[in-house]
Amino acid sequence: MRRVFLVAFAAVLPGALTAQVNVTSAKAGLVHYFDGEVELDGKPVEVKAAQFATVRKLSTLETKDGRAEILLAPGSFARLGENSGFKMVEPSLESTIIELTSGTMVVEVGEVEKGTSLTVRAAGSTVTIAKTGIYAFRTSEPAELRVHDGEATVSNNGQSTVVKEGRLVGLATNGQFVAAKFDKDSGDGLYRWSKRRASYIAMANVSAANAIHTRGLGG
């Protein structure tokens, strides 16, 4: 399987120690990392020197035999499992709206800036995320949201419910929400991959920050 390391591991390469902390975007949608076969608007995503693919407004990203990580805001990511579809409805950092059209996705929210919002659409429901945390979505078998950490408001057919840490709720429910407990420390392959990605990014940021500090002292 073809592997592509776009940002996190750039921090360990000579001459690229600041790559992780310097990658920013004025809008959500930058393809931060992908692994395997991934298509953007029907065309294979490719690596180009110092360039990152972007899921622009109304564009779609589909993973085939692969996974992908999309930057939503500083410290916040959407990570797609294999055979999943992602649509960028609104890339504004002030009011980001994304849609999981098929498959599975984990959303990691590292920080929430005042005056901003993140909305996820999946399986007929709208999920509003206003707190830092880890949120796992799937569109079938069954369609559900699992809140590993944080808190979200789920709306469907004019009804809404608040889903807190350690609770799951069905998404394709026509507004009939029934929350249930689950083991928030357990998860599927995508959840474990998402945790590894978060760890790699954290290590890369520490390495980059240390390098900047060392260079500053040396100068």
Protein backbone atom coordinates (compact mmCIF):
# COMPACT_ATOMS: atom_id res chain seq x y z
CA MET A 1 0.00 0.00 0.00
CA ARG A 2 1.34 3.46 -0.91
CA ARG A 3 2.00 5.62 2.16
CA VAL A 4 2.17 9.40 2.10
CA PHE A 5 3.48 11.42 5.03
CA LEU A 6 2.71 15.05 4.38
CA VAL A 7 3.24 17.06 7.53
CA ALA A 8 3.71 15.30 10.82
CA PHE A 9 6.90 13.52 9.86
CA ALA A 10 8.35 16.53 8.07
CA ALA A 11 9.33 17.75 11.51
CA VAL A 12 11.99 15.06 11.82
CA LEU A 13 13.66 15.82 8.49
CA PRO A 14 16.76 18.08 8.39
CA GLY A 15 15.88 21.56 7.21
CA ALA A 16 12.16 21.01 7.73
CA LEU A 17 11.87 21.26 11.48
CA THR A 18 9.29 24.04 11.39
CA ALA A 19 7.02 22.41 8.80
CA GLN A 20 4.37 21.20 11.24
CA VAL A 21 3.82 24.44 13.09
CA ASN A 22 3.97 26.59 9.94
CA VAL A 23 1.27 24.76 7.97
CA THR A 24 -1.79 26.98 8.29
CA SER A 25 -4.81 27.75 6.17
CA ALA A 26 -7.32 30.59 6.04
CA LYS A 27 -10.08 28.03 5.49
CA ALA A 28 -10.86 24.50 6.59
CA GLY A 29 -10.14 21.65 4.19
CA LEU A 30 -6.39 21.22 3.79
CA VAL A 31 -5.51 17.54 3.27
CA HIS A 32 -2.99 17.24 6.08
CA TYR A 33 -2.13 13.57 5.53
CA PHE A 34 -3.32 10.60 3.54
CA ASP A 35 -2.46 6.95 3.32
CA GLY A 36 -3.40 4.73 0.36
CA GLU A 37 -5.91 5.45 -2.39
CA VAL A 38 -7.73 8.76 -1.88
CA GLU A 39 -9.60 10.85 -4.47
CA LEU A 40 -10.52 14.54 -4.49
CA ASP A 41 -13.43 15.34 -6.82
CA GLY A 42 -12.82 12.04 -8.58
CA LYS A 43 -9.09 12.51 -9.15
CA PRO A 44 -6.30 10.82 -7.19
CA VAL A 45 -4.70 12.99 -4.52
CA GLU A 46 -0.99 13.34 -5.23
CA VAL A 47 1.97 14.70 -3.31
CA LYS A 48 3.64 17.82 -4.68
CA ALA A 49 6.61 19.59 -3.15
CA ALA A 50 5.50 22.23 -0.63
CA GLN A 51 1.87 21.92 -1.79
CA PHE A 52 -1.14 20.42 -0.06
CA ALA A 53 -4.40 19.38 -1.66
CA THR A 54 -7.45 21.23 -0.36
CA VAL A 55 -11.07 20.14 -0.11
CA ARG A 56 -12.69 23.37 -1.26
CA LYS A 57 -16.30 24.45 -0.84
CA LEU A 58 -18.69 21.76 -2.18
CA SER A 59 -15.76 19.50 -3.10
CA THR A 60 -15.74 15.86 -2.05
CA LEU A 61 -12.95 13.64 -0.79
CA GLU A 62 -13.32 9.87 -1.01
CA THR A 63 -11.11 7.22 0.50
CA LYS A 64 -10.93 3.94 -1.34
CA ASP A 65 -8.30 1.62 0.06
CA GLY A 66 -6.96 4.40 2.26
CA ARG A 67 -7.46 6.95 5.01
CA ALA A 68 -7.22 10.72 5.11
CA GLU A 69 -6.76 13.52 7.63
CA ILE A 70 -8.27 16.94 6.90
CA LEU A 71 -7.30 20.07 8.81
CA LEU A 72 -10.41 21.92 10.02
CA ALA A 73 -8.78 24.55 12.23
CA PRO A 74 -5.55 24.82 14.25
CA GLY A 75 -5.52 21.67 16.38
CA SER A 76 -8.74 20.27 14.89
CA PHE A 77 -8.98 17.45 12.33
CA ALA A 78 -11.44 15.19 10.53
CA ARG A 79 -10.03 11.70 9.93
CA LEU A 80 -11.75 9.43 7.41
CA GLY A 81 -11.72 5.66 7.48
CA GLU A 82 -11.48 3.44 4.41
CA ASN A 83 -14.33 3.59 1.85
CA SER A 84 -15.66 6.84 3.26
CA GLY A 85 -16.86 10.10 1.74
CA PHE A 86 -16.40 13.68 2.98
CA LYS A 87 -17.97 16.87 1.60
CA MET A 88 -16.89 20.39 2.48
CA VAL A 89 -20.16 22.30 2.76
CA GLU A 90 -18.70 25.50 4.22
CA PRO A 91 -14.94 25.96 4.78
CA SER A 92 -15.11 29.23 6.73
CA LEU A 93 -13.16 28.97 10.00
CA GLU A 94 -15.87 31.01 11.72
CA SER A 95 -18.63 28.55 10.75
CA THR A 96 -17.27 25.30 9.38
CA ILE A 97 -19.80 22.80 8.03
CA ILE A 98 -18.75 19.33 6.86
CA GLU A 99 -20.71 16.27 5.79
CA LEU A 100 -19.87 12.61 6.14
CA THR A 101 -21.59 11.22 3.06
CA SER A 102 -20.57 7.60 3.66
CA GLY A 103 -18.43 5.43 5.90
CA THR A 104 -16.70 6.50 9.10
CA MET A 105 -14.99 9.58 10.48
CA VAL A 106 -13.36 10.70 13.72
CA VAL A 107 -13.34 14.42 14.48
CA GLU A 108 -10.71 15.67 16.91
CA VAL A 109 -11.36 19.19 18.22
CA GLY A 110 -8.26 20.56 19.92
CA GLU A 111 -9.58 24.00 20.74
CA VAL A 112 -12.69 26.09 20.15
CA GLU A 113 -12.16 29.76 19.42
CA LYS A 114 -14.81 32.17 20.67
CA GLY A 115 -17.26 33.07 17.92
CA THR A 116 -16.58 29.95 15.84
CA SER A 117 -18.67 26.84 15.24
CA LEU A 118 -18.21 23.36 13.78
CA THR A 119 -21.17 21.48 12.33
CA VAL A 120 -21.13 17.90 11.07
CA ARG A 121 -23.91 16.44 8.92
CA ALA A 122 -24.28 12.67 8.80
CA ALA A 123 -27.10 10.18 8.13
CA GLY A 124 -29.81 12.85 8.17
CA SER A 125 -28.73 14.44 11.46
CA THR A 126 -26.90 17.67 12.22
CA VAL A 127 -24.27 17.63 14.95
CA THR A 128 -23.06 20.87 16.50
CA ILE A 129 -19.73 20.62 18.32
CA ALA A 130 -18.91 23.41 20.77
CA LYS A 131 -16.32 21.75 23.01
CA THR A 132 -12.91 20.19 22.61
CA GLY A 133 -13.05 16.42 22.35
CA ILE A 134 -13.10 13.29 20.21
CA TYR A 135 -16.22 12.48 18.18
CA ALA A 136 -16.67 9.28 16.15
CA PHE A 137 -19.24 9.11 13.33
CA ARG A 138 -20.54 6.34 11.10
CA THR A 139 -23.31 6.48 8.48
CA SER A 140 -24.54 2.88 8.66
CA GLU A 141 -24.52 -0.43 10.57
CA PRO A 142 -25.65 1.47 12.59
CA ALA A 143 -25.53 5.19 11.83
CA GLU A 144 -24.38 6.76 15.08
CA LEU A 145 -22.29 9.32 16.94
CA ARG A 146 -19.98 8.31 19.80
CA VAL A 147 -18.63 11.03 22.06
CA HIS A 148 -15.35 9.72 23.44
CA ASP A 149 -14.60 13.11 24.96
CA GLY A 150 -16.46 16.43 24.86
CA GLU A 151 -20.12 17.26 24.23
CA ALA A 152 -22.28 17.72 21.13
CA THR A 153 -25.85 18.66 20.24
CA VAL A 154 -27.56 16.37 17.73
CA SER A 155 -30.61 17.54 15.76
CA ASN A 156 -32.97 15.63 13.50
CA ASN A 157 -36.52 16.29 12.30
CA GLY A 158 -36.96 19.31 14.57
CA GLN A 159 -35.81 17.48 17.70
CA SER A 160 -32.46 17.73 19.45
CA THR A 161 -30.50 16.15 22.27
CA VAL A 162 -27.20 16.80 24.02
CA VAL A 163 -24.74 13.90 23.89
CA LYS A 164 -22.06 13.92 26.57
CA GLU A 165 -18.79 12.09 27.10
CA GLY A 166 -19.11 8.32 27.10
CA ARG A 167 -22.51 8.33 25.38
CA LEU A 168 -23.62 7.32 21.90
CA VAL A 169 -26.77 8.10 19.96
CA GLY A 170 -28.27 6.95 16.68
CA LEU A 171 -28.21 9.47 13.83
CA ALA A 172 -30.82 8.11 11.38
CA THR A 173 -33.57 8.30 14.00
CA ASN A 174 -36.11 10.77 12.60
CA GLY A 175 -35.73 12.74 15.83
CA GLN A 176 -36.31 9.82 18.21
CA PHE A 177 -33.06 9.98 20.15
CA VAL A 178 -32.09 7.34 22.69
CA ALA A 179 -28.64 7.79 24.21
CA ALA A 180 -26.67 4.84 25.57
CA LYS A 181 -23.40 4.36 27.40
CA PHE A 182 -20.28 2.86 25.82
CA ASP A 183 -16.67 2.32 26.83
CA LYS A 184 -15.14 5.65 25.81
CA ASP A 185 -11.61 4.24 26.04
CA SER A 186 -12.28 1.57 23.41
CA GLY A 187 -12.74 2.02 19.68
CA ASP A 188 -12.35 0.56 16.22
CA GLY A 189 -9.35 0.66 13.89
CA LEU A 190 -10.09 4.23 12.76
CA TYR A 191 -10.30 5.45 16.35
CA ARG A 192 -6.94 3.85 17.18
CA TRP A 193 -5.37 5.27 14.00
CA SER A 194 -6.72 8.72 14.92
CA LYS A 195 -5.08 8.48 18.34
CA ARG A 196 -1.77 7.54 16.75
CA ARG A 197 -2.01 10.46 14.33
CA ALA A 198 -2.71 12.84 17.22
CA SER A 199 0.34 11.50 19.03
CA TYR A 200 2.58 11.88 15.96
CA ILE A 201 1.44 15.46 15.42
CA ALA A 202 2.02 16.33 19.08
CA MET A 203 5.56 14.92 18.91
CA ALA A 204 6.27 16.78 15.68
CA ASN A 205 5.09 20.05 17.21
CA VAL A 206 7.32 19.53 20.26
CA SER A 207 10.31 18.78 18.02
CA ALA A 208 9.63 21.86 15.91
CA ALA A 209 9.18 24.09 18.96
CA ASN A 210 12.41 22.80 20.49
CA ALA A 211 14.28 23.41 17.23
CA ILE A 212 12.98 26.96 17.01
CA HIS A 213 13.94 27.59 20.63
CA THR A 214 17.44 26.16 20.08
CA ARG A 215 17.99 28.20 16.95
CA GLY A 216 16.80 31.30 18.76
CA LEU A 217 19.31 30.75 21.56
CA GLY A 218 22.05 30.02 19.03
CA GLY A 219 21.34 33.20 17.11
